[in-house]
């Protein structure tokens, strides 16, 4: 079982799966870093996660995005706490793709779902690239 993370400062989308990924909810990105790590660690234990996949946004020319340091810091903390392998999956436009997929839903229901759907897309890409 893999856990995918779509990191954001406001919301962190999660997805689980090894063949067919599905959304696994959200973590409030505004929480203290330690609290975020504890929540993700608990999910990893409960769901028997073997590997954590974190979406790493790159700009169009391949250079690191503005969140790179924050994402790597989160990955380092998760590795220390869980002992799991951390994989950074290159991703671009997953949030806008998630928004397109969820276009028919009303905004109240959709707002948090975009981050969760982005995590599903990150995990789907990782699984497809590593078959």
C-alpha atoms as a PDB file:
ATOM      1  CA  UNK A   1       0.000   0.000   0.000  1.00  0.00           C
ATOM      2  CA  UNK A   2       1.259   3.436  -0.949  1.00  0.00           C
ATOM      3  CA  UNK A   3       0.298   6.816   0.477  1.00  0.00           C
ATOM      4  CA  UNK A   4       0.422   9.794  -1.872  1.00  0.00           C
ATOM      5  CA  UNK A   5       0.607  13.363  -0.655  1.00  0.00           C
ATOM      6  CA  UNK A   6      -0.352  16.526  -2.517  1.00  0.00           C
ATOM      7  CA  UNK A   7       1.244  19.160  -0.291  1.00  0.00           C
ATOM      8  CA  UNK A   8      -0.260  22.587   0.107  1.00  0.00           C
ATOM      9  CA  UNK A   9       0.051  25.264   2.746  1.00  0.00           C
ATOM     10  CA  UNK A  10      -3.719  25.288   3.293  1.00  0.00           C
ATOM     11  CA  UNK A  11      -4.637  21.654   2.660  1.00  0.00           C
ATOM     12  CA  UNK A  12      -2.710  18.440   2.158  1.00  0.00           C
ATOM     13  CA  UNK A  13      -4.482  15.917  -0.050  1.00  0.00           C
ATOM     14  CA  UNK A  14      -3.991  12.201   0.568  1.00  0.00           C
ATOM     15  CA  UNK A  15      -4.551   9.095  -1.518  1.00  0.00           C
ATOM     16  CA  UNK A  16      -3.992   5.397  -0.850  1.00  0.00           C
ATOM     17  CA  UNK A  17      -3.541   2.406  -3.113  1.00  0.00           C
ATOM     18  CA  UNK A  18      -1.178   0.057  -4.844  1.00  0.00           C
ATOM     19  CA  UNK A  19      -3.135  -0.714  -8.000  1.00  0.00           C
ATOM     20  CA  UNK A  20      -6.142   1.616  -8.064  1.00  0.00           C
ATOM     21  CA  UNK A  21      -5.590   4.753  -5.981  1.00  0.00           C
ATOM     22  CA  UNK A  22      -8.446   6.327  -4.082  1.00  0.00           C
ATOM     23  CA  UNK A  23      -8.767   9.498  -2.052  1.00  0.00           C
ATOM     24  CA  UNK A  24      -7.918   9.240   1.630  1.00  0.00           C
ATOM     25  CA  UNK A  25      -8.940  12.656   2.883  1.00  0.00           C
ATOM     26  CA  UNK A  26      -7.157  15.830   3.878  1.00  0.00           C
ATOM     27  CA  UNK A  27      -4.843  17.161   6.543  1.00  0.00           C
ATOM     28  CA  UNK A  28      -5.019  20.842   7.448  1.00  0.00           C
ATOM     29  CA  UNK A  29      -1.834  22.373   6.048  1.00  0.00           C
ATOM     30  CA  UNK A  30      -2.062  25.193   8.588  1.00  0.00           C
ATOM     31  CA  UNK A  31      -1.334  22.890  11.520  1.00  0.00           C
ATOM     32  CA  UNK A  32       2.078  22.707  13.188  1.00  0.00           C
ATOM     33  CA  UNK A  33       4.525  20.609  11.188  1.00  0.00           C
ATOM     34  CA  UNK A  34       4.770  18.049  14.023  1.00  0.00           C
ATOM     35  CA  UNK A  35       0.990  17.628  14.093  1.00  0.00           C
ATOM     36  CA  UNK A  36       0.865  17.123  10.338  1.00  0.00           C
ATOM     37  CA  UNK A  37       3.551  14.442  10.589  1.00  0.00           C
ATOM     38  CA  UNK A  38       1.738  12.718  13.488  1.00  0.00           C
ATOM     39  CA  UNK A  39      -1.519  12.585  11.521  1.00  0.00           C
ATOM     40  CA  UNK A  40       0.190  11.145   8.442  1.00  0.00           C
ATOM     41  CA  UNK A  41       2.190   8.707  10.584  1.00  0.00           C
ATOM     42  CA  UNK A  42      -1.056   7.431  12.145  1.00  0.00           C
ATOM     43  CA  UNK A  43      -2.552   6.831   8.694  1.00  0.00           C
ATOM     44  CA  UNK A  44       0.589   4.973   7.635  1.00  0.00           C
ATOM     45  CA  UNK A  45       0.344   2.656  10.642  1.00  0.00           C
ATOM     46  CA  UNK A  46      -3.401   2.112  10.329  1.00  0.00           C
ATOM     47  CA  UNK A  47      -3.302   1.384   6.597  1.00  0.00           C
ATOM     48  CA  UNK A  48       0.029  -0.519   6.669  1.00  0.00           C
ATOM     49  CA  UNK A  49       1.649   1.843   4.189  1.00  0.00           C
ATOM     50  CA  UNK A  50       4.908   0.592   2.661  1.00  0.00           C
ATOM     51  CA  UNK A  51       5.999   3.739   0.812  1.00  0.00           C
ATOM     52  CA  UNK A  52       5.118   7.432   0.779  1.00  0.00           C
ATOM     53  CA  UNK A  53       4.863   9.244  -2.556  1.00  0.00           C
ATOM     54  CA  UNK A  54       5.007  13.037  -2.353  1.00  0.00           C
ATOM     55  CA  UNK A  55       4.160  15.185  -5.357  1.00  0.00           C
ATOM     56  CA  UNK A  56       7.021  17.531  -6.199  1.00  0.00           C
ATOM     57  CA  UNK A  57       5.940  20.466  -8.345  1.00  0.00           C
ATOM     58  CA  UNK A  58       8.458  21.500 -10.940  1.00  0.00           C
ATOM     59  CA  UNK A  59       8.262  24.518 -13.170  1.00  0.00           C
ATOM     60  CA  UNK A  60       7.979  24.158 -16.920  1.00  0.00           C
ATOM     61  CA  UNK A  61      11.764  24.133 -17.405  1.00  0.00           C
ATOM     62  CA  UNK A  62      12.287  21.507 -14.720  1.00  0.00           C
ATOM     63  CA  UNK A  63      13.583  23.803 -11.982  1.00  0.00           C
ATOM     64  CA  UNK A  64      12.369  23.428  -8.413  1.00  0.00           C
ATOM     65  CA  UNK A  65       9.098  25.084  -7.466  1.00  0.00           C
ATOM     66  CA  UNK A  66       8.479  27.477  -4.602  1.00  0.00           C
ATOM     67  CA  UNK A  67       7.372  24.718  -2.209  1.00  0.00           C
ATOM     68  CA  UNK A  68      10.374  22.455  -2.810  1.00  0.00           C
ATOM     69  CA  UNK A  69      12.110  23.105   0.526  1.00  0.00           C
ATOM     70  CA  UNK A  70       8.883  22.729   2.506  1.00  0.00           C
ATOM     71  CA  UNK A  71       8.057  19.459   0.751  1.00  0.00           C
ATOM     72  CA  UNK A  72      11.558  18.059   1.274  1.00  0.00           C
ATOM     73  CA  UNK A  73      11.426  19.075   4.946  1.00  0.00           C
ATOM     74  CA  UNK A  74       8.107  17.250   5.341  1.00  0.00           C
ATOM     75  CA  UNK A  75       9.557  14.208   3.572  1.00  0.00           C
ATOM     76  CA  UNK A  76      12.599  14.177   5.863  1.00  0.00           C
ATOM     77  CA  UNK A  77      10.393  14.327   8.965  1.00  0.00           C
ATOM     78  CA  UNK A  78       8.109  11.577   7.654  1.00  0.00           C
ATOM     79  CA  UNK A  79      11.103   9.354   6.912  1.00  0.00           C
ATOM     80  CA  UNK A  80      12.450   9.893  10.440  1.00  0.00           C
ATOM     81  CA  UNK A  81       9.088   9.196  12.089  1.00  0.00           C
ATOM     82  CA  UNK A  82       7.856   6.318   9.945  1.00  0.00           C
ATOM     83  CA  UNK A  83      11.062   4.741   8.652  1.00  0.00           C
ATOM     84  CA  UNK A  84       9.340   4.444   5.276  1.00  0.00           C
ATOM     85  CA  UNK A  85      10.870   5.158   1.889  1.00  0.00           C
ATOM     86  CA  UNK A  86       9.940   8.591   0.586  1.00  0.00           C
ATOM     87  CA  UNK A  87       9.633   9.066  -3.171  1.00  0.00           C
ATOM     88  CA  UNK A  88       9.255  12.494  -4.750  1.00  0.00           C
ATOM     89  CA  UNK A  89       7.061  12.160  -7.815  1.00  0.00           C
ATOM     90  CA  UNK A  90       7.421  14.967 -10.349  1.00  0.00           C
ATOM     91  CA  UNK A  91       4.070  16.589 -10.871  1.00  0.00           C
ATOM     92  CA  UNK A  92       2.749  19.544 -12.758  1.00  0.00           C
ATOM     93  CA  UNK A  93      -0.774  20.824 -12.964  1.00  0.00           C
ATOM     94  CA  UNK A  94      -2.331  18.037 -10.859  1.00  0.00           C
ATOM     95  CA  UNK A  95      -4.467  20.577  -9.000  1.00  0.00           C
ATOM     96  CA  UNK A  96      -5.757  22.124 -12.212  1.00  0.00           C
ATOM     97  CA  UNK A  97      -6.385  18.637 -13.641  1.00  0.00           C
ATOM     98  CA  UNK A  98      -8.218  17.682 -10.444  1.00  0.00           C
ATOM     99  CA  UNK A  99     -10.293  20.848 -10.747  1.00  0.00           C
ATOM    100  CA  UNK A 100     -11.180  19.923 -14.322  1.00  0.00           C
ATOM    101  CA  UNK A 101     -12.209  16.403 -13.259  1.00  0.00           C
ATOM    102  CA  UNK A 102     -14.394  17.760 -10.454  1.00  0.00           C
ATOM    103  CA  UNK A 103     -15.867  20.538 -12.588  1.00  0.00           C
ATOM    104  CA  UNK A 104     -19.451  19.376 -12.177  1.00  0.00           C
ATOM    105  CA  UNK A 105     -19.436  19.487  -8.365  1.00  0.00           C
ATOM    106  CA  UNK A 106     -20.505  22.580  -6.473  1.00  0.00           C
ATOM    107  CA  UNK A 107     -17.731  24.638  -4.868  1.00  0.00           C
ATOM    108  CA  UNK A 108     -18.675  23.847  -1.239  1.00  0.00           C
ATOM    109  CA  UNK A 109     -18.209  20.137  -1.819  1.00  0.00           C
ATOM    110  CA  UNK A 110     -15.375  20.566  -4.301  1.00  0.00           C
ATOM    111  CA  UNK A 111     -12.929  22.852  -2.453  1.00  0.00           C
ATOM    112  CA  UNK A 112     -11.276  20.156  -0.323  1.00  0.00           C
ATOM    113  CA  UNK A 113     -11.794  17.451  -2.907  1.00  0.00           C
ATOM    114  CA  UNK A 114      -9.405  19.114  -5.367  1.00  0.00           C
ATOM    115  CA  UNK A 115      -6.414  18.439  -3.111  1.00  0.00           C
ATOM    116  CA  UNK A 116      -7.510  14.864  -2.491  1.00  0.00           C
ATOM    117  CA  UNK A 117      -8.036  14.280  -6.230  1.00  0.00           C
ATOM    118  CA  UNK A 118      -4.589  15.774  -6.949  1.00  0.00           C
ATOM    119  CA  UNK A 119      -3.088  13.176  -4.573  1.00  0.00           C
ATOM    120  CA  UNK A 120      -4.979  10.437  -6.449  1.00  0.00           C
ATOM    121  CA  UNK A 121      -3.500  11.699  -9.726  1.00  0.00           C
ATOM    122  CA  UNK A 122       0.023  11.768  -8.255  1.00  0.00           C
ATOM    123  CA  UNK A 123      -0.353   8.190  -7.039  1.00  0.00           C
ATOM    124  CA  UNK A 124      -1.881   7.058 -10.312  1.00  0.00           C
ATOM    125  CA  UNK A 125       1.072   8.530 -12.195  1.00  0.00           C
ATOM    126  CA  UNK A 126       3.561   6.843  -9.843  1.00  0.00           C
ATOM    127  CA  UNK A 127       1.864   3.447 -10.164  1.00  0.00           C
ATOM    128  CA  UNK A 128       1.688   3.710 -13.969  1.00  0.00           C
ATOM    129  CA  UNK A 129       5.341   4.789 -14.239  1.00  0.00           C
ATOM    130  CA  UNK A 130       6.511   1.908 -12.055  1.00  0.00           C
ATOM    131  CA  UNK A 131       4.598  -1.061 -13.466  1.00  0.00           C
END
